Amino acid sequence: MKKTGLLKKLKYLLEIKKLTKNKQMIDKLKSRKLWAAILGGVIVSLGDALGLTADATQWIVTIITGYIVGQGIADAGQGKKG
């Protein structure tokens, strides 16, 4: 009887661990920096198909990179305040 209770507790703990991992992944997918990086990759990959010149593609990627770096600095500053 005790083994059954222990197994139930272990299964419960494993389910909590799975839910925690899923929540962390969902939180990561909400990151604007991640989506900006994905957008930059898509623009680089499909720039010619979208009719963008090499200069336009480079300009867009530079802006996206600046956003990611700037947001990273802002996030690091918030971490020091809190």
C-alpha atoms as a PDB file:
ATOM      1  CA  MET A   1       0.000   0.000   0.000  1.00  0.00           C
ATOM      2  CA  LYS A   2       2.818   2.407   0.797  1.00  0.00           C
ATOM      3  CA  LYS A   3       4.469   1.755  -2.578  1.00  0.00           C
ATOM      4  CA  THR A   4       1.305   2.801  -4.387  1.00  0.00           C
ATOM      5  CA  GLY A   5       1.198   6.088  -2.486  1.00  0.00           C
ATOM      6  CA  LEU A   6       4.870   6.691  -3.251  1.00  0.00           C
ATOM      7  CA  LEU A   7       4.331   5.967  -6.931  1.00  0.00           C
ATOM      8  CA  LYS A   8       1.419   8.400  -7.041  1.00  0.00           C
ATOM      9  CA  LYS A   9       3.571  11.096  -5.448  1.00  0.00           C
ATOM     10  CA  LEU A  10       6.397  10.461  -7.922  1.00  0.00           C
ATOM     11  CA  LYS A  11       4.001  10.631 -10.876  1.00  0.00           C
ATOM     12  CA  TYR A  12       2.564  13.845  -9.480  1.00  0.00           C
ATOM     13  CA  LEU A  13       6.034  15.372  -9.126  1.00  0.00           C
ATOM     14  CA  LEU A  14       6.943  14.354 -12.673  1.00  0.00           C
ATOM     15  CA  GLU A  15       3.788  15.983 -14.014  1.00  0.00           C
ATOM     16  CA  ILE A  16       4.610  19.200 -12.160  1.00  0.00           C
ATOM     17  CA  LYS A  17       8.104  19.125 -13.629  1.00  0.00           C
ATOM     18  CA  LYS A  18       6.687  18.687 -17.152  1.00  0.00           C
ATOM     19  CA  LEU A  19       4.272  21.567 -16.660  1.00  0.00           C
ATOM     20  CA  THR A  20       7.093  23.775 -15.398  1.00  0.00           C
ATOM     21  CA  LYS A  21       9.198  22.988 -18.474  1.00  0.00           C
ATOM     22  CA  ASN A  22       6.236  23.716 -20.758  1.00  0.00           C
ATOM     23  CA  LYS A  23       5.630  27.047 -19.013  1.00  0.00           C
ATOM     24  CA  GLN A  24       9.285  27.986 -19.419  1.00  0.00           C
ATOM     25  CA  MET A  25       9.104  27.175 -23.131  1.00  0.00           C
ATOM     26  CA  ILE A  26       5.922  29.224 -23.521  1.00  0.00           C
ATOM     27  CA  ASP A  27       7.592  32.138 -21.722  1.00  0.00           C
ATOM     28  CA  LYS A  28      10.548  31.905 -24.113  1.00  0.00           C
ATOM     29  CA  LEU A  29       8.226  31.917 -27.111  1.00  0.00           C
ATOM     30  CA  LYS A  30       6.686  35.172 -25.841  1.00  0.00           C
ATOM     31  CA  SER A  31      10.066  36.898 -26.136  1.00  0.00           C
ATOM     32  CA  ARG A  32      10.025  39.826 -28.556  1.00  0.00           C
ATOM     33  CA  LYS A  33      13.786  39.467 -28.989  1.00  0.00           C
ATOM     34  CA  LEU A  34      13.329  35.876 -30.160  1.00  0.00           C
ATOM     35  CA  TRP A  35      10.695  36.855 -32.709  1.00  0.00           C
ATOM     36  CA  ALA A  36      12.840  39.763 -33.921  1.00  0.00           C
ATOM     37  CA  ALA A  37      15.723  37.326 -34.468  1.00  0.00           C
ATOM     38  CA  ILE A  38      13.429  34.925 -36.324  1.00  0.00           C
ATOM     39  CA  LEU A  39      12.152  37.793 -38.480  1.00  0.00           C
ATOM     40  CA  GLY A  40      15.743  38.766 -39.267  1.00  0.00           C
ATOM     41  CA  GLY A  41      16.534  35.207 -40.323  1.00  0.00           C
ATOM     42  CA  VAL A  42      13.474  35.071 -42.550  1.00  0.00           C
ATOM     43  CA  ILE A  43      14.371  38.380 -44.171  1.00  0.00           C
ATOM     44  CA  VAL A  44      17.925  37.217 -44.840  1.00  0.00           C
ATOM     45  CA  SER A  45      16.687  33.907 -46.243  1.00  0.00           C
ATOM     46  CA  LEU A  46      13.871  35.310 -48.372  1.00  0.00           C
ATOM     47  CA  GLY A  47      15.226  38.771 -49.137  1.00  0.00           C
ATOM     48  CA  ASP A  48      15.708  38.087 -52.838  1.00  0.00           C
ATOM     49  CA  ALA A  49      12.299  36.434 -53.155  1.00  0.00           C
ATOM     50  CA  LEU A  50      10.729  39.464 -51.462  1.00  0.00           C
ATOM     51  CA  GLY A  51      12.441  41.772 -53.939  1.00  0.00           C
ATOM     52  CA  LEU A  52      14.833  43.308 -51.414  1.00  0.00           C
ATOM     53  CA  THR A  53      18.255  44.491 -52.481  1.00  0.00           C
ATOM     54  CA  ALA A  54      21.304  43.406 -50.524  1.00  0.00           C
ATOM     55  CA  ASP A  55      21.586  46.915 -49.064  1.00  0.00           C
ATOM     56  CA  ALA A  56      17.940  46.934 -47.962  1.00  0.00           C
ATOM     57  CA  THR A  57      18.326  43.509 -46.373  1.00  0.00           C
ATOM     58  CA  GLN A  58      21.457  44.638 -44.541  1.00  0.00           C
ATOM     59  CA  TRP A  59      19.710  47.818 -43.354  1.00  0.00           C
ATOM     60  CA  ILE A  60      16.713  45.874 -41.999  1.00  0.00           C
ATOM     61  CA  VAL A  61      18.938  43.317 -40.255  1.00  0.00           C
ATOM     62  CA  THR A  62      21.011  46.136 -38.728  1.00  0.00           C
ATOM     63  CA  ILE A  63      17.860  47.694 -37.279  1.00  0.00           C
ATOM     64  CA  ILE A  64      16.680  44.354 -35.906  1.00  0.00           C
ATOM     65  CA  THR A  65      20.117  43.684 -34.400  1.00  0.00           C
ATOM     66  CA  GLY A  66      20.110  47.121 -32.773  1.00  0.00           C
ATOM     67  CA  TYR A  67      16.677  46.428 -31.298  1.00  0.00           C
ATOM     68  CA  ILE A  68      17.807  43.073 -29.880  1.00  0.00           C
ATOM     69  CA  VAL A  69      20.993  44.528 -28.386  1.00  0.00           C
ATOM     70  CA  GLY A  70      19.183  47.565 -26.979  1.00  0.00           C
ATOM     71  CA  GLN A  71      16.442  45.439 -25.461  1.00  0.00           C
ATOM     72  CA  GLY A  72      19.069  43.130 -23.965  1.00  0.00           C
ATOM     73  CA  ILE A  73      20.791  46.088 -22.321  1.00  0.00           C
ATOM     74  CA  ALA A  74      17.468  47.361 -21.004  1.00  0.00           C
ATOM     75  CA  ASP A  75      16.611  43.909 -19.655  1.00  0.00           C
ATOM     76  CA  ALA A  76      20.004  43.658 -17.959  1.00  0.00           C
ATOM     77  CA  GLY A  77      19.428  47.068 -16.358  1.00  0.00           C
ATOM     78  CA  GLN A  78      16.043  45.978 -15.022  1.00  0.00           C
ATOM     79  CA  GLY A  79      17.628  42.912 -13.474  1.00  0.00           C
ATOM     80  CA  LYS A  80      20.075  45.070 -11.507  1.00  0.00           C
ATOM     81  CA  LYS A  81      17.330  47.353 -10.169  1.00  0.00           C
ATOM     82  CA  GLY A  82      15.103  44.541  -8.919  1.00  0.00           C
END
